[in-house]
Amino acid sequence: MPISLAPKSDPCREELEKLEKEKAEIDQKAKSDAMTELRLGLGIFGLQTAGLMRLTFWELTWDVMEPICFFLASIYFIAGYLFLLNTSTNISFKSFFNRREILILIFLF
């Protein structure tokens, strides 16, 4: 029963309000944790890009780095395809946000 239909003197109303408040706190923590994971992923990709640029233009040459970049891009494509197969959703930041536990399992195995 929606809380708005419950009588004011109903003892379940107080418990329901308490549970709704607890759920709101859990949702806020989950959103905060998910955003932290997304920002961490962005930082990792940024560091990787900077490292590949450093290796390509200062340490090594493109002839050495081209196969490395090709295989790295292939690995990311395969990971995205696995995500698509496991979740049956489009690959987007919103789907990553909603399904981040599956991403963790994909990258662990």
PDB file of N, CA and C in Angstrom:
ATOM      1  N   MET A   1       0.850  -1.166   0.000  1.00  0.00           N
ATOM      2  CA  MET A   1       0.000   0.000   0.000  1.00  0.00           C
ATOM      3  C   MET A   1       0.899   1.234   0.000  1.00  0.00           C
ATOM      4  N   PRO A   2       0.613   2.188  -0.865  1.00  0.00           N
ATOM      5  CA  PRO A   2       1.404   3.422  -0.851  1.00  0.00           C
ATOM      6  C   PRO A   2       1.256   4.137   0.480  1.00  0.00           C
ATOM      7  N   ILE A   3       2.330   4.783   0.892  1.00  0.00           N
ATOM      8  CA  ILE A   3       2.314   5.452   2.197  1.00  0.00           C
ATOM      9  C   ILE A   3       1.268   6.566   2.252  1.00  0.00           C
ATOM     10  N   SER A   4       0.968   7.160   1.112  1.00  0.00           N
ATOM     11  CA  SER A   4      -0.002   8.247   1.101  1.00  0.00           C
ATOM     12  C   SER A   4      -1.411   7.755   1.389  1.00  0.00           C
ATOM     13  N   LEU A   5      -1.713   6.468   1.169  1.00  0.00           N
ATOM     14  CA  LEU A   5      -3.038   5.915   1.426  1.00  0.00           C
ATOM     15  C   LEU A   5      -3.189   5.373   2.842  1.00  0.00           C
ATOM     16  N   ALA A   6      -2.080   5.174   3.527  1.00  0.00           N
ATOM     17  CA  ALA A   6      -2.136   4.645   4.886  1.00  0.00           C
ATOM     18  C   ALA A   6      -2.637   5.718   5.845  1.00  0.00           C
ATOM     19  N   PRO A   7      -3.462   5.323   6.814  1.00  0.00           N
ATOM     20  CA  PRO A   7      -3.920   6.311   7.807  1.00  0.00           C
ATOM     21  C   PRO A   7      -2.755   6.808   8.650  1.00  0.00           C
ATOM     22  N   LYS A   8      -2.906   8.018   9.153  1.00  0.00           N
ATOM     23  CA  LYS A   8      -1.807   8.623   9.928  1.00  0.00           C
ATOM     24  C   LYS A   8      -1.488   7.838  11.197  1.00  0.00           C
ATOM     25  N   SER A   9      -2.459   7.150  11.744  1.00  0.00           N
ATOM     26  CA  SER A   9      -2.232   6.417  12.994  1.00  0.00           C
ATOM     27  C   SER A   9      -1.753   4.987  12.754  1.00  0.00           C
ATOM     28  N   ASP A  10      -1.523   4.611  11.529  1.00  0.00           N
ATOM     29  CA  ASP A  10      -1.092   3.254  11.214  1.00  0.00           C
ATOM     30  C   ASP A  10       0.337   3.034  11.723  1.00  0.00           C
ATOM     31  N   PRO A  11       0.561   1.972  12.528  1.00  0.00           N
ATOM     32  CA  PRO A  11       1.919   1.735  13.048  1.00  0.00           C
ATOM     33  C   PRO A  11       2.915   1.347  11.950  1.00  0.00           C
ATOM     34  N   CYS A  12       2.433   0.824  10.863  1.00  0.00           N
ATOM     35  CA  CYS A  12       3.335   0.443   9.768  1.00  0.00           C
ATOM     36  C   CYS A  12       3.888   1.661   9.046  1.00  0.00           C
ATOM     37  N   ARG A  13       3.186   2.771   9.147  1.00  0.00           N
ATOM     38  CA  ARG A  13       3.609   3.997   8.455  1.00  0.00           C
ATOM     39  C   ARG A  13       4.987   4.462   8.929  1.00  0.00           C
ATOM     40  N   GLU A  14       5.188   4.430  10.245  1.00  0.00           N
ATOM     41  CA  GLU A  14       6.467   4.867  10.812  1.00  0.00           C
ATOM     42  C   GLU A  14       7.599   3.944  10.353  1.00  0.00           C
ATOM     43  N   GLU A  15       7.332   2.638  10.370  1.00  0.00           N
ATOM     44  CA  GLU A  15       8.348   1.687   9.926  1.00  0.00           C
ATOM     45  C   GLU A  15       8.658   1.864   8.438  1.00  0.00           C
ATOM     46  N   LEU A  16       7.621   2.101   7.632  1.00  0.00           N
ATOM     47  CA  LEU A  16       7.821   2.311   6.210  1.00  0.00           C
ATOM     48  C   LEU A  16       8.634   3.569   5.940  1.00  0.00           C
ATOM     49  N   GLU A  17       8.360   4.641   6.666  1.00  0.00           N
ATOM     50  CA  GLU A  17       9.141   5.875   6.509  1.00  0.00           C
ATOM     51  C   GLU A  17      10.597   5.636   6.869  1.00  0.00           C
ATOM     52  N   LYS A  18      10.826   4.853   7.933  1.00  0.00           N
ATOM     53  CA  LYS A  18      12.202   4.538   8.342  1.00  0.00           C
ATOM     54  C   LYS A  18      12.915   3.731   7.248  1.00  0.00           C
ATOM     55  N   LEU A  19      12.220   2.755   6.683  1.00  0.00           N
ATOM     56  CA  LEU A  19      12.811   1.935   5.630  1.00  0.00           C
ATOM     57  C   LEU A  19      13.059   2.731   4.353  1.00  0.00           C
ATOM     58  N   GLU A  20      12.161   3.645   4.022  1.00  0.00           N
ATOM     59  CA  GLU A  20      12.364   4.493   2.846  1.00  0.00           C
ATOM     60  C   GLU A  20      13.570   5.400   3.029  1.00  0.00           C
ATOM     61  N   LYS A  21      13.751   5.919   4.239  1.00  0.00           N
ATOM     62  CA  LYS A  21      14.921   6.755   4.519  1.00  0.00           C
ATOM     63  C   LYS A  21      16.209   5.933   4.399  1.00  0.00           C
ATOM     64  N   GLU A  22      16.176   4.706   4.921  1.00  0.00           N
ATOM     65  CA  GLU A  22      17.343   3.827   4.829  1.00  0.00           C
ATOM     66  C   GLU A  22      17.653   3.483   3.372  1.00  0.00           C
ATOM     67  N   LYS A  23      16.617   3.222   2.583  1.00  0.00           N
ATOM     68  CA  LYS A  23      16.813   2.925   1.161  1.00  0.00           C
ATOM     69  C   LYS A  23      17.416   4.117   0.428  1.00  0.00           C
ATOM     70  N   ALA A  24      16.969   5.323   0.752  1.00  0.00           N
ATOM     71  CA  ALA A  24      17.519   6.525   0.113  1.00  0.00           C
ATOM     72  C   ALA A  24      19.006   6.672   0.435  1.00  0.00           C
ATOM     73  N   GLU A  25      19.396   6.357   1.666  1.00  0.00           N
ATOM     74  CA  GLU A  25      20.808   6.423   2.046  1.00  0.00           C
ATOM     75  C   GLU A  25      21.632   5.380   1.278  1.00  0.00           C
ATOM     76  N   ILE A  26      21.088   4.177   1.147  1.00  0.00           N
ATOM     77  CA  ILE A  26      21.781   3.113   0.413  1.00  0.00           C
ATOM     78  C   ILE A  26      21.926   3.496  -1.058  1.00  0.00           C
ATOM     79  N   ASP A  27      20.862   4.044  -1.646  1.00  0.00           N
ATOM     80  CA  ASP A  27      20.923   4.472  -3.052  1.00  0.00           C
ATOM     81  C   ASP A  27      21.973   5.560  -3.253  1.00  0.00           C
ATOM     82  N   GLN A  28      22.050   6.503  -2.331  1.00  0.00           N
ATOM     83  CA  GLN A  28      23.030   7.580  -2.444  1.00  0.00           C
ATOM     84  C   GLN A  28      24.448   7.033  -2.348  1.00  0.00           C
ATOM     85  N   LYS A  29      24.683   6.088  -1.423  1.00  0.00           N
ATOM     86  CA  LYS A  29      26.011   5.491  -1.294  1.00  0.00           C
ATOM     87  C   LYS A  29      26.375   4.697  -2.547  1.00  0.00           C
ATOM     88  N   ALA A  30      25.406   3.950  -3.102  1.00  0.00           N
ATOM     89  CA  ALA A  30      25.669   3.179  -4.316  1.00  0.00           C
ATOM     90  C   ALA A  30      26.007   4.102  -5.480  1.00  0.00           C
ATOM     91  N   LYS A  31      25.294   5.207  -5.600  1.00  0.00           N
ATOM     92  CA  LYS A  31      25.581   6.157  -6.673  1.00  0.00           C
ATOM     93  C   LYS A  31      26.968   6.769  -6.500  1.00  0.00           C
ATOM     94  N   SER A  32      27.308   7.107  -5.272  1.00  0.00           N
ATOM     95  CA  SER A  32      28.625   7.680  -4.993  1.00  0.00           C
ATOM     96  C   SER A  32      29.733   6.678  -5.325  1.00  0.00           C
ATOM     97  N   ASP A  33      29.549   5.422  -4.937  1.00  0.00           N
ATOM     98  CA  ASP A  33      30.551   4.388  -5.229  1.00  0.00           C
ATOM     99  C   ASP A  33      30.697   4.164  -6.735  1.00  0.00           C
ATOM    100  N   ALA A  34      29.560   4.160  -7.444  1.00  0.00           N
ATOM    101  CA  ALA A  34      29.609   3.955  -8.895  1.00  0.00           C
ATOM    102  C   ALA A  34      30.338   5.108  -9.577  1.00  0.00           C
ATOM    103  N   MET A  35      30.086   6.334  -9.153  1.00  0.00           N
ATOM    104  CA  MET A  35      30.776   7.475  -9.750  1.00  0.00           C
ATOM    105  C   MET A  35      32.270   7.427  -9.453  1.00  0.00           C
ATOM    106  N   THR A  36      32.636   6.980  -8.258  1.00  0.00           N
ATOM    107  CA  THR A  36      34.051   6.824  -7.920  1.00  0.00           C
ATOM    108  C   THR A  36      34.714   5.809  -8.846  1.00  0.00           C
ATOM    109  N   GLU A  37      34.029   4.688  -9.104  1.00  0.00           N
ATOM    110  CA  GLU A  37      34.577   3.681 -10.005  1.00  0.00           C
ATOM    111  C   GLU A  37      34.717   4.220 -11.427  1.00  0.00           C
ATOM    112  N   LEU A  38      33.732   4.983 -11.887  1.00  0.00           N
ATOM    113  CA  LEU A  38      33.811   5.558 -13.230  1.00  0.00           C
ATOM    114  C   LEU A  38      34.960   6.557 -13.342  1.00  0.00           C
ATOM    115  N   ARG A  39      35.153   7.371 -12.321  1.00  0.00           N
ATOM    116  CA  ARG A  39      36.267   8.330 -12.338  1.00  0.00           C
ATOM    117  C   ARG A  39      37.610   7.620 -12.274  1.00  0.00           C
ATOM    118  N   LEU A  40      37.685   6.550 -11.512  1.00  0.00           N
ATOM    119  CA  LEU A  40      38.912   5.765 -11.445  1.00  0.00           C
ATOM    120  C   LEU A  40      39.218   5.150 -12.819  1.00  0.00           C
ATOM    121  N   GLY A  41      38.201   4.634 -13.483  1.00  0.00           N
ATOM    122  CA  GLY A  41      38.393   4.092 -14.833  1.00  0.00           C
ATOM    123  C   GLY A  41      38.884   5.145 -15.798  1.00  0.00           C
ATOM    124  N   LEU A  42      38.332   6.355 -15.707  1.00  0.00           N
ATOM    125  CA  LEU A  42      38.786   7.454 -16.562  1.00  0.00           C
ATOM    126  C   LEU A  42      40.250   7.778 -16.287  1.00  0.00           C
ATOM    127  N   GLY A  43      40.637   7.783 -15.029  1.00  0.00           N
ATOM    128  CA  GLY A  43      42.029   8.044 -14.677  1.00  0.00           C
ATOM    129  C   GLY A  43      42.970   6.977 -15.214  1.00  0.00           C
ATOM    130  N   ILE A  44      42.536   5.715 -15.130  1.00  0.00           N
ATOM    131  CA  ILE A  44      43.362   4.627 -15.647  1.00  0.00           C
ATOM    132  C   ILE A  44      43.539   4.753 -17.150  1.00  0.00           C
ATOM    133  N   PHE A  45      42.450   5.038 -17.875  1.00  0.00           N
ATOM    134  CA  PHE A  45      42.555   5.197 -19.328  1.00  0.00           C
ATOM    135  C   PHE A  45      43.404   6.412 -19.694  1.00  0.00           C
ATOM    136  N   GLY A  46      43.319   7.464 -18.903  1.00  0.00           N
ATOM    137  CA  GLY A  46      44.153   8.639 -19.154  1.00  0.00           C
ATOM    138  C   GLY A  46      45.630   8.332 -18.967  1.00  0.00           C
ATOM    139  N   LEU A  47      45.956   7.631 -17.886  1.00  0.00           N
ATOM    140  CA  LEU A  47      47.350   7.237 -17.653  1.00  0.00           C
ATOM    141  C   LEU A  47      47.853   6.294 -18.740  1.00  0.00           C
ATOM    142  N   GLN A  48      47.001   5.388 -19.170  1.00  0.00           N
ATOM    143  CA  GLN A  48      47.399   4.481 -20.233  1.00  0.00           C
ATOM    144  C   GLN A  48      47.679   5.241 -21.525  1.00  0.00           C
ATOM    145  N   THR A  49      46.820   6.177 -21.871  1.00  0.00           N
ATOM    146  CA  THR A  49      47.024   6.979 -23.081  1.00  0.00           C
ATOM    147  C   THR A  49      48.312   7.781 -22.992  1.00  0.00           C
ATOM    148  N   ALA A  50      48.548   8.384 -21.841  1.00  0.00           N
ATOM    149  CA  ALA A  50      49.778   9.157 -21.664  1.00  0.00           C
ATOM    150  C   ALA A  50      51.010   8.248 -21.786  1.00  0.00           C
ATOM    151  N   GLY A  51      50.927   7.045 -21.213  1.00  0.00           N
ATOM    152  CA  GLY A  51      52.038   6.105 -21.309  1.00  0.00           C
ATOM    153  C   GLY A  51      52.299   5.656 -22.737  1.00  0.00           C
ATOM    154  N   LEU A  52      51.216   5.378 -23.465  1.00  0.00           N
ATOM    155  CA  LEU A  52      51.388   4.972 -24.867  1.00  0.00           C
ATOM    156  C   LEU A  52      51.945   6.118 -25.710  1.00  0.00           C
ATOM    157  N   MET A  53      51.513   7.331 -25.433  1.00  0.00           N
ATOM    158  CA  MET A  53      52.056   8.486 -26.168  1.00  0.00           C
ATOM    159  C   MET A  53      53.547   8.651 -25.869  1.00  0.00           C
ATOM    160  N   ARG A  54      53.898   8.498 -24.603  1.00  0.00           N
ATOM    161  CA  ARG A  54      55.305   8.623 -24.220  1.00  0.00           C
ATOM    162  C   ARG A  54      56.156   7.565 -24.938  1.00  0.00           C
ATOM    163  N   LEU A  55      55.671   6.332 -24.916  1.00  0.00           N
ATOM    164  CA  LEU A  55      56.425   5.262 -25.581  1.00  0.00           C
ATOM    165  C   LEU A  55      56.493   5.468 -27.089  1.00  0.00           C
ATOM    166  N   THR A  56      55.407   5.954 -27.684  1.00  0.00           N
ATOM    167  CA  THR A  56      55.365   6.116 -29.140  1.00  0.00           C
ATOM    168  C   THR A  56      56.280   7.234 -29.613  1.00  0.00           C
ATOM    169  N   PHE A  57      56.244   8.372 -28.949  1.00  0.00           N
ATOM    170  CA  PHE A  57      56.935   9.549 -29.478  1.00  0.00           C
ATOM    171  C   PHE A  57      58.306   9.817 -28.874  1.00  0.00           C
ATOM    172  N   TRP A  58      58.631   9.237 -27.716  1.00  0.00           N
ATOM    173  CA  TRP A  58      59.920   9.529 -27.100  1.00  0.00           C
ATOM    174  C   TRP A  58      60.802   8.299 -26.928  1.00  0.00           C
ATOM    175  N   GLU A  59      60.254   7.213 -26.442  1.00  0.00           N
ATOM    176  CA  GLU A  59      61.072   6.039 -26.117  1.00  0.00           C
ATOM    177  C   GLU A  59      61.262   5.114 -27.323  1.00  0.00           C
ATOM    178  N   LEU A  60      60.152   4.732 -27.949  1.00  0.00           N
ATOM    179  CA  LEU A  60      60.194   3.780 -29.063  1.00  0.00           C
ATOM    180  C   LEU A  60      59.676   4.480 -30.321  1.00  0.00           C
ATOM    181  N   THR A  61      59.362   3.711 -31.335  1.00  0.00           N
ATOM    182  CA  THR A  61      58.801   4.291 -32.553  1.00  0.00           C
ATOM    183  C   THR A  61      57.425   3.686 -32.795  1.00  0.00           C
ATOM    184  N   TRP A  62      56.746   4.262 -33.788  1.00  0.00           N
ATOM    185  CA  TRP A  62      55.429   3.763 -34.130  1.00  0.00           C
ATOM    186  C   TRP A  62      55.501   2.328 -34.660  1.00  0.00           C
ATOM    187  N   ASP A  63      56.599   1.963 -35.289  1.00  0.00           N
ATOM    188  CA  ASP A  63      56.746   0.600 -35.806  1.00  0.00           C
ATOM    189  C   ASP A  63      56.691  -0.435 -34.679  1.00  0.00           C
ATOM    190  N   VAL A  64      57.177  -0.076 -33.514  1.00  0.00           N
ATOM    191  CA  VAL A  64      57.134  -0.983 -32.364  1.00  0.00           C
ATOM    192  C   VAL A  64      55.779  -0.891 -31.669  1.00  0.00           C
ATOM    193  N   MET A  65      55.245   0.311 -31.561  1.00  0.00           N
ATOM    194  CA  MET A  65      54.023   0.528 -30.784  1.00  0.00           C
ATOM    195  C   MET A  65      52.745   0.156 -31.543  1.00  0.00           C
ATOM    196  N   GLU A  66      52.794   0.121 -32.867  1.00  0.00           N
ATOM    197  CA  GLU A  66      51.577  -0.173 -33.623  1.00  0.00           C
ATOM    198  C   GLU A  66      50.967  -1.524 -33.252  1.00  0.00           C
ATOM    199  N   PRO A  67      51.738  -2.612 -33.209  1.00  0.00           N
ATOM    200  CA  PRO A  67      51.112  -3.889 -32.816  1.00  0.00           C
ATOM    201  C   PRO A  67      50.607  -3.875 -31.378  1.00  0.00           C
ATOM    202  N   ILE A  68      51.320  -3.199 -30.502  1.00  0.00           N
ATOM    203  CA  ILE A  68      50.888  -3.125 -29.105  1.00  0.00           C
ATOM    204  C   ILE A  68      49.546  -2.414 -29.015  1.00  0.00           C
ATOM    205  N   CYS A  69      49.418  -1.285 -29.702  1.00  0.00           N
ATOM    206  CA  CYS A  69      48.152  -0.544 -29.693  1.00  0.00           C
ATOM    207  C   CYS A  69      47.035  -1.337 -30.356  1.00  0.00           C
ATOM    208  N   PHE A  70      47.363  -2.069 -31.414  1.00  0.00           N
ATOM    209  CA  PHE A  70      46.357  -2.899 -32.083  1.00  0.00           C
ATOM    210  C   PHE A  70      45.813  -3.954 -31.134  1.00  0.00           C
ATOM    211  N   PHE A  71      46.696  -4.670 -30.445  1.00  0.00           N
ATOM    212  CA  PHE A  71      46.233  -5.721 -29.544  1.00  0.00           C
ATOM    213  C   PHE A  71      45.513  -5.140 -28.331  1.00  0.00           C
ATOM    214  N   LEU A  72      45.940  -4.013 -27.864  1.00  0.00           N
ATOM    215  CA  LEU A  72      45.253  -3.361 -26.754  1.00  0.00           C
ATOM    216  C   LEU A  72      43.827  -2.962 -27.155  1.00  0.00           C
ATOM    217  N   ALA A  73      43.687  -2.385 -28.352  1.00  0.00           N
ATOM    218  CA  ALA A  73      42.361  -2.032 -28.852  1.00  0.00           C
ATOM    219  C   ALA A  73      41.503  -3.280 -29.058  1.00  0.00           C
ATOM    220  N   SER A  74      42.104  -4.366 -29.513  1.00  0.00           N
ATOM    221  CA  SER A  74      41.365  -5.617 -29.692  1.00  0.00           C
ATOM    222  C   SER A  74      40.859  -6.157 -28.361  1.00  0.00           C
ATOM    223  N   ILE A  75      41.680  -6.060 -27.336  1.00  0.00           N
ATOM    224  CA  ILE A  75      41.270  -6.521 -26.005  1.00  0.00           C
ATOM    225  C   ILE A  75      40.084  -5.699 -25.506  1.00  0.00           C
ATOM    226  N   TYR A  76      40.106  -4.382 -25.716  1.00  0.00           N
ATOM    227  CA  TYR A  76      38.982  -3.549 -25.290  1.00  0.00           C
ATOM    228  C   TYR A  76      37.718  -3.875 -26.085  1.00  0.00           C
ATOM    229  N   PHE A  77      37.872  -4.164 -27.375  1.00  0.00           N
ATOM    230  CA  PHE A  77      36.719  -4.557 -28.179  1.00  0.00           C
ATOM    231  C   PHE A  77      36.123  -5.856 -27.664  1.00  0.00           C
ATOM    232  N   ILE A  78      36.964  -6.830 -27.365  1.00  0.00           N
ATOM    233  CA  ILE A  78      36.482  -8.113 -26.852  1.00  0.00           C
ATOM    234  C   ILE A  78      35.785  -7.929 -25.510  1.00  0.00           C
ATOM    235  N   ALA A  79      36.334  -7.093 -24.638  1.00  0.00           N
ATOM    236  CA  ALA A  79      35.704  -6.829 -23.339  1.00  0.00           C
ATOM    237  C   ALA A  79      34.327  -6.183 -23.538  1.00  0.00           C
ATOM    238  N   GLY A  80      34.228  -5.242 -24.464  1.00  0.00           N
ATOM    239  CA  GLY A  80      32.936  -4.625 -24.748  1.00  0.00           C
ATOM    240  C   GLY A  80      31.944  -5.620 -25.316  1.00  0.00           C
ATOM    241  N   TYR A  81      32.411  -6.510 -26.172  1.00  0.00           N
ATOM    242  CA  TYR A  81      31.543  -7.523 -26.748  1.00  0.00           C
ATOM    243  C   TYR A  81      31.077  -8.510 -25.675  1.00  0.00           C
ATOM    244  N   LEU A  82      31.954  -8.888 -24.755  1.00  0.00           N
ATOM    245  CA  LEU A  82      31.562  -9.742 -23.636  1.00  0.00           C
ATOM    246  C   LEU A  82      30.502  -9.060 -22.777  1.00  0.00           C
ATOM    247  N   PHE A  83      30.664  -7.759 -22.548  1.00  0.00           N
ATOM    248  CA  PHE A  83      29.667  -7.009 -21.791  1.00  0.00           C
ATOM    249  C   PHE A  83      28.323  -7.067 -22.508  1.00  0.00           C
ATOM    250  N   LEU A  84      28.333  -6.872 -23.813  1.00  0.00           N
ATOM    251  CA  LEU A  84      27.106  -6.931 -24.596  1.00  0.00           C
ATOM    252  C   LEU A  84      26.462  -8.309 -24.511  1.00  0.00           C
ATOM    253  N   LEU A  85      27.256  -9.367 -24.612  1.00  0.00           N
ATOM    254  CA  LEU A  85      26.713 -10.721 -24.538  1.00  0.00           C
ATOM    255  C   LEU A  85      26.150 -11.042 -23.159  1.00  0.00           C
ATOM    256  N   ASN A  86      26.817 -10.578 -22.112  1.00  0.00           N
ATOM    257  CA  ASN A  86      26.381 -10.896 -20.752  1.00  0.00           C
ATOM    258  C   ASN A  86      25.188 -10.076 -20.282  1.00  0.00           C
ATOM    259  N   THR A  87      25.037  -8.872 -20.776  1.00  0.00           N
ATOM    260  CA  THR A  87      23.983  -7.993 -20.264  1.00  0.00           C
ATOM    261  C   THR A  87      22.862  -7.746 -21.256  1.00  0.00           C
ATOM    262  N   SER A  88      23.108  -7.987 -22.528  1.00  0.00           N
ATOM    263  CA  SER A  88      22.119  -7.713 -23.594  1.00  0.00           C
ATOM    264  C   SER A  88      21.671  -6.250 -23.581  1.00  0.00           C
ATOM    265  N   THR A  89      22.587  -5.352 -23.249  1.00  0.00           N
ATOM    266  CA  THR A  89      22.301  -3.919 -23.286  1.00  0.00           C
ATOM    267  C   THR A  89      23.352  -3.232 -24.147  1.00  0.00           C
ATOM    268  N   ASN A  90      23.021  -2.047 -24.608  1.00  0.00           N
ATOM    269  CA  ASN A  90      23.984  -1.272 -25.389  1.00  0.00           C
ATOM    270  C   ASN A  90      25.162  -0.875 -24.525  1.00  0.00           C
ATOM    271  N   ILE A  91      26.293  -0.685 -25.169  1.00  0.00           N
ATOM    272  CA  ILE A  91      27.488  -0.272 -24.448  1.00  0.00           C
ATOM    273  C   ILE A  91      27.458   1.248 -24.321  1.00  0.00           C
ATOM    274  N   SER A  92      27.165   1.727 -23.124  1.00  0.00           N
ATOM    275  CA  SER A  92      27.112   3.158 -22.859  1.00  0.00           C
ATOM    276  C   SER A  92      27.503   3.379 -21.400  1.00  0.00           C
ATOM    277  N   PHE A  93      27.759   4.629 -21.042  1.00  0.00           N
ATOM    278  CA  PHE A  93      28.120   4.916 -19.656  1.00  0.00           C
ATOM    279  C   PHE A  93      26.967   4.610 -18.717  1.00  0.00           C
ATOM    280  N   LYS A  94      25.727   4.826 -19.168  1.00  0.00           N
ATOM    281  CA  LYS A  94      24.576   4.527 -18.323  1.00  0.00           C
ATOM    282  C   LYS A  94      24.482   3.033 -18.045  1.00  0.00           C
ATOM    283  N   SER A  95      24.710   2.204 -19.068  1.00  0.00           N
ATOM    284  CA  SER A  95      24.659   0.761 -18.835  1.00  0.00           C
ATOM    285  C   SER A  95      25.841   0.314 -17.979  1.00  0.00           C
ATOM    286  N   PHE A  96      27.020   0.931 -18.149  1.00  0.00           N
ATOM    287  CA  PHE A  96      28.145   0.634 -17.259  1.00  0.00           C
ATOM    288  C   PHE A  96      27.797   0.989 -15.825  1.00  0.00           C
ATOM    289  N   PHE A  97      27.168   2.150 -15.646  1.00  0.00           N
ATOM    290  CA  PHE A  97      26.786   2.617 -14.317  1.00  0.00           C
ATOM    291  C   PHE A  97      25.809   1.641 -13.672  1.00  0.00           C
ATOM    292  N   ASN A  98      24.867   1.141 -14.440  1.00  0.00           N
ATOM    293  CA  ASN A  98      23.848   0.245 -13.897  1.00  0.00           C
ATOM    294  C   ASN A  98      24.342  -1.183 -13.725  1.00  0.00           C
ATOM    295  N   ARG A  99      25.362  -1.588 -14.469  1.00  0.00           N
ATOM    296  CA  ARG A  99      25.808  -2.978 -14.460  1.00  0.00           C
ATOM    297  C   ARG A  99      27.280  -3.114 -14.096  1.00  0.00           C
ATOM    298  N   ARG A 100      27.787  -2.280 -13.233  1.00  0.00           N
ATOM    299  CA  ARG A 100      29.220  -2.275 -12.979  1.00  0.00           C
ATOM    300  C   ARG A 100      29.708  -3.558 -12.316  1.00  0.00           C
ATOM    301  N   GLU A 101      28.859  -4.268 -11.575  1.00  0.00           N
ATOM    302  CA  GLU A 101      29.315  -5.510 -10.954  1.00  0.00           C
ATOM    303  C   GLU A 101      29.644  -6.558 -12.013  1.00  0.00           C
ATOM    304  N   ILE A 102      28.939  -6.553 -13.133  1.00  0.00           N
ATOM    305  CA  ILE A 102      29.243  -7.489 -14.215  1.00  0.00           C
ATOM    306  C   ILE A 102      30.591  -7.130 -14.846  1.00  0.00           C
ATOM    307  N   LEU A 103      30.863  -5.831 -14.968  1.00  0.00           N
ATOM    308  CA  LEU A 103      32.156  -5.407 -15.518  1.00  0.00           C
ATOM    309  C   LEU A 103      33.306  -5.909 -14.667  1.00  0.00           C
ATOM    310  N   ILE A 104      33.151  -5.837 -13.368  1.00  0.00           N
ATOM    311  CA  ILE A 104      34.208  -6.290 -12.473  1.00  0.00           C
ATOM    312  C   ILE A 104      34.437  -7.786 -12.669  1.00  0.00           C
ATOM    313  N   LEU A 105      33.357  -8.552 -12.801  1.00  0.00           N
ATOM    314  CA  LEU A 105      33.505  -9.992 -13.008  1.00  0.00           C
ATOM    315  C   LEU A 105      34.165 -10.302 -14.346  1.00  0.00           C
ATOM    316  N   ILE A 106      33.805  -9.532 -15.399  1.00  0.00           N
ATOM    317  CA  ILE A 106      34.409  -9.759 -16.718  1.00  0.00           C
ATOM    318  C   ILE A 106      35.908  -9.541 -16.663  1.00  0.00           C
ATOM    319  N   PHE A 107      36.336  -8.454 -16.018  1.00  0.00           N
ATOM    320  CA  PHE A 107      37.763  -8.140 -16.005  1.00  0.00           C
ATOM    321  C   PHE A 107      38.550  -8.998 -15.016  1.00  0.00           C
ATOM    322  N   LEU A 108      37.875  -9.633 -14.058  1.00  0.00           N
ATOM    323  CA  LEU A 108      38.576 -10.524 -13.140  1.00  0.00           C
ATOM    324  C   LEU A 108      38.844 -11.882 -13.775  1.00  0.00           C
ATOM    325  N   PHE A 109      38.006 -12.274 -14.709  1.00  0.00           N
ATOM    326  CA  PHE A 109      38.156 -13.609 -15.321  1.00  0.00           C
ATOM    327  C   PHE A 109      38.527 -13.459 -16.721  1.00  0.00           C
TER     328      PHE A 109
END
